[in-house]
Amino acid sequence: MKAEKKPVLLCEEDFRLLKQLVGISLINDMEEEMTLAYELSRANVVKDDAFPEDTIRLNSKVRVEDMATKRTTDLSIVMPPHADIKQKKISILTPMAAALIGFRKGDEVEWKMPSGLKKYKILDVANQLNAAQA
């Protein structure tokens, strides 16, 4: 039983930043599922002020549960220069962050990780009022 893919929801600011980050050189990845380029190609983009607050975007603080192990993880999704594993800030270019961006609290996401296919449930999402903060 394979569920139909739920569309990714991105605000205009994040879409612009991520499109620049991914760049035209990765255009071929747009057809390969479970890549950031693919997620961007199928994203629904909304005005920044209309973006739902329980949806993951850049600089979101997120709590997820590994559906297999029931282990929870707290992290923040940031642009690559701001990544710092000690502060639990992961780059949007990591498989985990690419899997989560654009999904909401309560959603379940499945993604190819280095350790194999993983399924996560999004337990909580907290967004800053000013997303420019990293």
N, C-alpha and C. Protein backbone atom coordinates (compact mmCIF):
# COMPACT_ATOMS: atom_id res chain seq x y z
N MET A 1 0.85 -1.18 0.00
CA MET A 1 0.00 0.00 0.00
C MET A 1 0.89 1.23 0.00
N LYS A 2 0.97 1.90 -1.11
CA LYS A 2 1.82 3.08 -1.24
C LYS A 2 0.94 4.32 -1.28
N ALA A 3 1.16 5.21 -0.34
CA ALA A 3 0.36 6.43 -0.28
C ALA A 3 0.82 7.40 -1.36
N GLU A 4 -0.13 8.17 -1.87
CA GLU A 4 0.22 9.20 -2.84
C GLU A 4 1.02 10.28 -2.13
N LYS A 5 2.00 10.82 -2.81
CA LYS A 5 2.88 11.81 -2.19
C LYS A 5 2.13 13.09 -1.90
N LYS A 6 2.20 13.52 -0.66
CA LYS A 6 1.60 14.78 -0.24
C LYS A 6 2.49 15.92 -0.75
N PRO A 7 1.90 16.98 -1.30
CA PRO A 7 2.74 18.07 -1.80
C PRO A 7 3.51 18.77 -0.69
N VAL A 8 4.70 19.22 -1.03
CA VAL A 8 5.54 19.98 -0.11
C VAL A 8 5.04 21.42 -0.14
N LEU A 9 4.98 22.06 1.02
CA LEU A 9 4.53 23.45 1.11
C LEU A 9 5.72 24.31 1.51
N LEU A 10 6.04 25.30 0.69
CA LEU A 10 7.16 26.19 0.97
C LEU A 10 6.70 27.64 0.89
N CYS A 11 7.30 28.49 1.73
CA CYS A 11 7.04 29.92 1.63
C CYS A 11 7.94 30.48 0.53
N GLU A 12 7.58 31.64 0.00
CA GLU A 12 8.32 32.24 -1.11
C GLU A 12 9.80 32.44 -0.78
N GLU A 13 10.09 32.93 0.43
CA GLU A 13 11.48 33.20 0.82
C GLU A 13 12.31 31.92 0.79
N ASP A 14 11.81 30.84 1.40
CA ASP A 14 12.55 29.58 1.43
C ASP A 14 12.70 29.02 0.02
N PHE A 15 11.64 29.09 -0.79
CA PHE A 15 11.71 28.56 -2.14
C PHE A 15 12.81 29.27 -2.93
N ARG A 16 12.88 30.58 -2.81
CA ARG A 16 13.90 31.37 -3.52
C ARG A 16 15.31 30.95 -3.06
N LEU A 17 15.52 30.87 -1.75
CA LEU A 17 16.83 30.49 -1.22
C LEU A 17 17.23 29.07 -1.62
N LEU A 18 16.30 28.15 -1.53
CA LEU A 18 16.60 26.75 -1.84
C LEU A 18 16.83 26.54 -3.33
N LYS A 19 16.08 27.26 -4.15
CA LYS A 19 16.27 27.15 -5.59
C LYS A 19 17.67 27.62 -5.97
N GLN A 20 18.12 28.70 -5.35
CA GLN A 20 19.48 29.19 -5.60
C GLN A 20 20.51 28.16 -5.11
N LEU A 21 20.26 27.58 -3.95
CA LEU A 21 21.17 26.62 -3.36
C LEU A 21 21.30 25.36 -4.23
N VAL A 22 20.17 24.85 -4.69
CA VAL A 22 20.17 23.63 -5.50
C VAL A 22 20.76 23.93 -6.87
N GLY A 23 20.38 25.06 -7.47
CA GLY A 23 20.96 25.48 -8.74
C GLY A 23 20.54 24.66 -9.94
N ILE A 24 20.79 25.23 -11.08
CA ILE A 24 20.44 24.60 -12.35
C ILE A 24 21.26 23.34 -12.60
N SER A 25 22.45 23.24 -12.05
CA SER A 25 23.31 22.08 -12.31
C SER A 25 22.68 20.77 -11.83
N LEU A 26 21.71 20.86 -10.93
CA LEU A 26 21.07 19.64 -10.42
C LEU A 26 19.72 19.39 -11.07
N ILE A 27 19.50 19.98 -12.22
CA ILE A 27 18.20 19.87 -12.89
C ILE A 27 17.79 18.41 -13.12
N ASN A 28 18.75 17.53 -13.37
CA ASN A 28 18.42 16.12 -13.59
C ASN A 28 17.86 15.44 -12.34
N ASP A 29 18.21 15.94 -11.16
CA ASP A 29 17.69 15.37 -9.91
C ASP A 29 16.20 15.64 -9.73
N MET A 30 15.65 16.57 -10.51
CA MET A 30 14.24 16.91 -10.35
C MET A 30 13.34 15.71 -10.62
N GLU A 31 13.83 14.74 -11.38
CA GLU A 31 13.03 13.57 -11.70
C GLU A 31 13.28 12.43 -10.72
N GLU A 32 14.32 12.53 -9.91
CA GLU A 32 14.65 11.47 -8.97
C GLU A 32 14.02 11.78 -7.62
N GLU A 33 13.10 10.90 -7.20
CA GLU A 33 12.44 11.10 -5.92
C GLU A 33 13.46 11.09 -4.79
N MET A 34 13.08 11.70 -3.70
CA MET A 34 13.89 11.76 -2.49
C MET A 34 15.18 12.55 -2.70
N THR A 35 15.07 13.64 -3.47
CA THR A 35 16.14 14.62 -3.58
C THR A 35 15.52 15.98 -3.30
N LEU A 36 16.33 16.92 -2.84
CA LEU A 36 15.82 18.26 -2.57
C LEU A 36 15.31 18.90 -3.86
N ALA A 37 16.01 18.68 -4.97
CA ALA A 37 15.57 19.24 -6.25
C ALA A 37 14.19 18.72 -6.64
N TYR A 38 13.94 17.45 -6.41
CA TYR A 38 12.63 16.86 -6.71
C TYR A 38 11.55 17.51 -5.84
N GLU A 39 11.84 17.66 -4.56
CA GLU A 39 10.87 18.27 -3.65
C GLU A 39 10.55 19.70 -4.09
N LEU A 40 11.58 20.46 -4.51
CA LEU A 40 11.35 21.82 -4.99
C LEU A 40 10.49 21.82 -6.25
N SER A 41 10.70 20.85 -7.12
CA SER A 41 9.96 20.80 -8.39
C SER A 41 8.47 20.54 -8.18
N ARG A 42 8.09 19.95 -7.06
CA ARG A 42 6.68 19.63 -6.82
C ARG A 42 6.06 20.47 -5.69
N ALA A 43 6.79 21.46 -5.23
CA ALA A 43 6.34 22.26 -4.09
C ALA A 43 5.19 23.20 -4.45
N ASN A 44 4.30 23.39 -3.48
CA ASN A 44 3.31 24.45 -3.54
C ASN A 44 3.92 25.63 -2.80
N VAL A 45 4.05 26.76 -3.47
CA VAL A 45 4.68 27.94 -2.88
C VAL A 45 3.59 28.93 -2.48
N VAL A 46 3.67 29.39 -1.22
CA VAL A 46 2.68 30.35 -0.71
C VAL A 46 3.39 31.62 -0.22
N LYS A 47 2.65 32.68 -0.12
CA LYS A 47 3.18 33.94 0.41
C LYS A 47 3.72 33.70 1.81
N ASP A 48 4.81 34.39 2.14
CA ASP A 48 5.44 34.22 3.45
C ASP A 48 4.44 34.41 4.60
N ASP A 49 3.58 35.44 4.49
CA ASP A 49 2.66 35.73 5.60
C ASP A 49 1.47 34.76 5.64
N ALA A 50 1.32 33.90 4.64
CA ALA A 50 0.24 32.91 4.63
C ALA A 50 0.76 31.51 4.96
N PHE A 51 2.04 31.41 5.29
CA PHE A 51 2.65 30.10 5.56
C PHE A 51 2.18 29.58 6.92
N PRO A 52 1.61 28.37 6.96
CA PRO A 52 1.12 27.82 8.24
C PRO A 52 2.25 27.64 9.26
N GLU A 53 2.01 28.06 10.49
CA GLU A 53 3.08 28.05 11.49
C GLU A 53 3.50 26.66 11.93
N ASP A 54 2.70 25.63 11.66
CA ASP A 54 3.09 24.26 12.05
C ASP A 54 3.77 23.51 10.90
N THR A 55 4.24 24.25 9.89
CA THR A 55 4.90 23.66 8.73
C THR A 55 6.40 23.94 8.80
N ILE A 56 7.20 22.94 8.45
CA ILE A 56 8.66 23.06 8.56
C ILE A 56 9.22 23.91 7.43
N ARG A 57 10.05 24.87 7.81
CA ARG A 57 10.74 25.75 6.86
C ARG A 57 12.17 25.92 7.35
N LEU A 58 12.95 26.70 6.64
CA LEU A 58 14.30 27.00 7.12
C LEU A 58 14.21 27.62 8.50
N ASN A 59 15.09 27.21 9.39
CA ASN A 59 15.20 27.67 10.77
C ASN A 59 14.11 27.14 11.70
N SER A 60 13.29 26.20 11.22
CA SER A 60 12.31 25.57 12.10
C SER A 60 13.03 24.69 13.12
N LYS A 61 12.47 24.67 14.33
CA LYS A 61 12.90 23.70 15.34
C LYS A 61 11.88 22.57 15.27
N VAL A 62 12.38 21.35 15.13
CA VAL A 62 11.52 20.21 14.83
C VAL A 62 11.81 19.06 15.79
N ARG A 63 10.76 18.36 16.17
CA ARG A 63 10.91 17.10 16.92
C ARG A 63 10.28 16.01 16.06
N VAL A 64 11.07 14.97 15.78
CA VAL A 64 10.59 13.86 14.97
C VAL A 64 10.77 12.55 15.72
N GLU A 65 9.97 11.57 15.33
CA GLU A 65 10.08 10.23 15.90
C GLU A 65 10.37 9.24 14.78
N ASP A 66 11.42 8.45 14.96
CA ASP A 66 11.71 7.36 14.04
C ASP A 66 10.62 6.31 14.26
N MET A 67 9.84 6.02 13.23
CA MET A 67 8.69 5.13 13.37
C MET A 67 9.09 3.69 13.73
N ALA A 68 10.29 3.28 13.34
CA ALA A 68 10.75 1.91 13.62
C ALA A 68 11.27 1.78 15.05
N THR A 69 12.09 2.74 15.48
CA THR A 69 12.73 2.63 16.79
C THR A 69 11.99 3.37 17.90
N LYS A 70 11.06 4.25 17.52
CA LYS A 70 10.31 5.11 18.45
C LYS A 70 11.21 6.15 19.13
N ARG A 71 12.43 6.32 18.63
CA ARG A 71 13.37 7.30 19.18
C ARG A 71 13.01 8.69 18.67
N THR A 72 13.02 9.69 19.56
CA THR A 72 12.74 11.05 19.14
C THR A 72 14.03 11.85 19.01
N THR A 73 14.02 12.80 18.09
CA THR A 73 15.17 13.65 17.82
C THR A 73 14.69 15.08 17.69
N ASP A 74 15.41 16.01 18.30
CA ASP A 74 15.15 17.43 18.15
C ASP A 74 16.24 18.01 17.26
N LEU A 75 15.85 18.89 16.33
CA LEU A 75 16.82 19.50 15.43
C LEU A 75 16.26 20.79 14.85
N SER A 76 17.16 21.59 14.27
CA SER A 76 16.78 22.78 13.52
C SER A 76 17.32 22.62 12.11
N ILE A 77 16.56 23.10 11.13
CA ILE A 77 16.98 23.02 9.73
C ILE A 77 17.49 24.38 9.30
N VAL A 78 18.75 24.42 8.84
CA VAL A 78 19.40 25.69 8.52
C VAL A 78 20.11 25.62 7.17
N MET A 79 20.52 26.78 6.67
CA MET A 79 21.34 26.83 5.46
C MET A 79 22.72 26.25 5.81
N PRO A 80 23.43 25.69 4.82
CA PRO A 80 24.70 25.01 5.09
C PRO A 80 25.72 25.78 5.95
N PRO A 81 25.91 27.09 5.76
CA PRO A 81 26.93 27.76 6.59
C PRO A 81 26.60 27.81 8.09
N HIS A 82 25.32 27.60 8.43
CA HIS A 82 24.89 27.69 9.83
C HIS A 82 24.77 26.32 10.51
N ALA A 83 25.07 25.26 9.78
CA ALA A 83 24.96 23.92 10.34
C ALA A 83 25.97 23.74 11.48
N ASP A 84 25.51 23.12 12.56
CA ASP A 84 26.36 22.85 13.72
C ASP A 84 25.73 21.69 14.49
N ILE A 85 26.26 20.51 14.31
CA ILE A 85 25.67 19.32 14.90
C ILE A 85 25.62 19.40 16.43
N LYS A 86 26.59 20.08 17.05
CA LYS A 86 26.58 20.22 18.51
C LYS A 86 25.37 21.01 18.99
N GLN A 87 24.90 21.95 18.17
CA GLN A 87 23.71 22.73 18.50
C GLN A 87 22.45 22.14 17.87
N LYS A 88 22.59 20.94 17.28
CA LYS A 88 21.48 20.24 16.62
C LYS A 88 20.90 21.04 15.46
N LYS A 89 21.78 21.77 14.77
CA LYS A 89 21.40 22.51 13.57
C LYS A 89 21.92 21.74 12.36
N ILE A 90 20.99 21.24 11.53
CA ILE A 90 21.41 20.44 10.39
C ILE A 90 21.15 21.19 9.08
N SER A 91 22.06 21.00 8.13
CA SER A 91 21.96 21.65 6.83
C SER A 91 20.77 21.14 6.05
N ILE A 92 20.13 22.03 5.32
CA ILE A 92 19.03 21.65 4.43
C ILE A 92 19.50 20.64 3.37
N LEU A 93 20.80 20.56 3.14
CA LEU A 93 21.33 19.62 2.15
C LEU A 93 21.47 18.20 2.68
N THR A 94 21.24 17.98 3.98
CA THR A 94 21.30 16.61 4.52
C THR A 94 20.02 15.86 4.14
N PRO A 95 20.10 14.54 4.03
CA PRO A 95 18.89 13.78 3.70
C PRO A 95 17.74 14.01 4.70
N MET A 96 18.06 14.11 5.99
CA MET A 96 17.02 14.31 7.00
C MET A 96 16.28 15.63 6.79
N ALA A 97 17.02 16.71 6.60
CA ALA A 97 16.39 18.02 6.42
C ALA A 97 15.60 18.08 5.13
N ALA A 98 16.15 17.53 4.05
CA ALA A 98 15.45 17.51 2.77
C ALA A 98 14.14 16.72 2.88
N ALA A 99 14.15 15.69 3.72
CA ALA A 99 12.94 14.88 3.92
C ALA A 99 11.85 15.66 4.63
N LEU A 100 12.23 16.53 5.54
CA LEU A 100 11.26 17.18 6.42
C LEU A 100 10.73 18.52 5.90
N ILE A 101 11.54 19.25 5.12
CA ILE A 101 11.15 20.60 4.70
C ILE A 101 9.80 20.57 3.98
N GLY A 102 8.92 21.48 4.38
CA GLY A 102 7.63 21.62 3.71
C GLY A 102 6.52 20.73 4.24
N PHE A 103 6.82 19.91 5.25
CA PHE A 103 5.78 19.07 5.84
C PHE A 103 5.35 19.64 7.19
N ARG A 104 4.22 19.14 7.72
CA ARG A 104 3.61 19.71 8.92
C ARG A 104 3.64 18.77 10.10
N LYS A 105 3.39 19.37 11.25
CA LYS A 105 3.22 18.58 12.48
C LYS A 105 2.15 17.53 12.22
N GLY A 106 2.46 16.28 12.59
CA GLY A 106 1.52 15.17 12.40
C GLY A 106 1.76 14.37 11.13
N ASP A 107 2.48 14.96 10.17
CA ASP A 107 2.78 14.24 8.93
C ASP A 107 3.78 13.13 9.18
N GLU A 108 3.71 12.10 8.34
CA GLU A 108 4.71 11.04 8.32
C GLU A 108 5.45 11.14 7.00
N VAL A 109 6.78 11.08 7.07
CA VAL A 109 7.59 11.18 5.86
C VAL A 109 8.51 9.97 5.76
N GLU A 110 8.73 9.54 4.54
CA GLU A 110 9.62 8.41 4.28
C GLU A 110 10.73 8.92 3.38
N TRP A 111 11.97 8.54 3.70
CA TRP A 111 13.10 9.10 2.96
C TRP A 111 14.25 8.12 2.97
N LYS A 112 15.02 8.15 1.89
CA LYS A 112 16.21 7.30 1.77
C LYS A 112 17.35 7.98 2.52
N MET A 113 17.79 7.36 3.60
CA MET A 113 18.91 7.84 4.40
C MET A 113 20.13 6.96 4.09
N PRO A 114 21.32 7.40 4.50
CA PRO A 114 22.50 6.56 4.29
C PRO A 114 22.34 5.15 4.88
N SER A 115 21.56 5.04 5.96
CA SER A 115 21.36 3.74 6.61
C SER A 115 20.18 2.96 6.04
N GLY A 116 19.54 3.49 4.99
CA GLY A 116 18.40 2.80 4.38
C GLY A 116 17.15 3.66 4.43
N LEU A 117 16.03 3.09 4.01
CA LEU A 117 14.76 3.81 3.99
C LEU A 117 14.25 3.99 5.42
N LYS A 118 13.95 5.22 5.78
CA LYS A 118 13.47 5.53 7.14
C LYS A 118 12.11 6.21 7.05
N LYS A 119 11.31 6.02 8.08
CA LYS A 119 10.01 6.67 8.17
C LYS A 119 9.95 7.44 9.48
N TYR A 120 9.58 8.72 9.39
CA TYR A 120 9.52 9.59 10.55
C TYR A 120 8.14 10.21 10.70
N LYS A 121 7.77 10.45 11.94
CA LYS A 121 6.55 11.21 12.23
C LYS A 121 6.99 12.54 12.82
N ILE A 122 6.41 13.62 12.32
CA ILE A 122 6.73 14.96 12.82
C ILE A 122 5.86 15.22 14.05
N LEU A 123 6.50 15.32 15.21
CA LEU A 123 5.78 15.49 16.47
C LEU A 123 5.54 16.95 16.82
N ASP A 124 6.49 17.82 16.47
CA ASP A 124 6.33 19.23 16.83
C ASP A 124 7.15 20.10 15.88
N VAL A 125 6.64 21.31 15.64
CA VAL A 125 7.32 22.29 14.78
C VAL A 125 7.20 23.65 15.45
N ALA A 126 8.33 24.34 15.60
CA ALA A 126 8.33 25.70 16.14
C ALA A 126 9.09 26.58 15.17
N ASN A 127 8.44 27.67 14.75
CA ASN A 127 9.06 28.60 13.83
C ASN A 127 9.29 29.94 14.51
N GLN A 128 10.42 30.57 14.17
CA GLN A 128 10.73 31.91 14.65
C GLN A 128 9.86 32.90 13.88
N LEU A 129 9.56 34.02 14.52
CA LEU A 129 8.83 35.07 13.80
C LEU A 129 9.71 35.62 12.68
N ASN A 130 11.01 35.75 12.95
CA ASN A 130 11.93 36.24 11.95
C ASN A 130 12.77 35.07 11.45
N ALA A 131 12.43 34.56 10.28
CA ALA A 131 13.11 33.38 9.74
C ALA A 131 14.54 33.67 9.31
N ALA A 132 14.92 34.92 9.24
CA ALA A 132 16.29 35.25 8.82
C ALA A 132 17.30 34.85 9.91
N GLN A 133 16.82 34.67 11.13
CA GLN A 133 17.71 34.25 12.22
C GLN A 133 18.14 32.81 11.98
N ALA A 134 19.39 32.51 12.25
CA ALA A 134 19.85 31.15 12.00
C ALA A 134 20.21 30.47 13.29
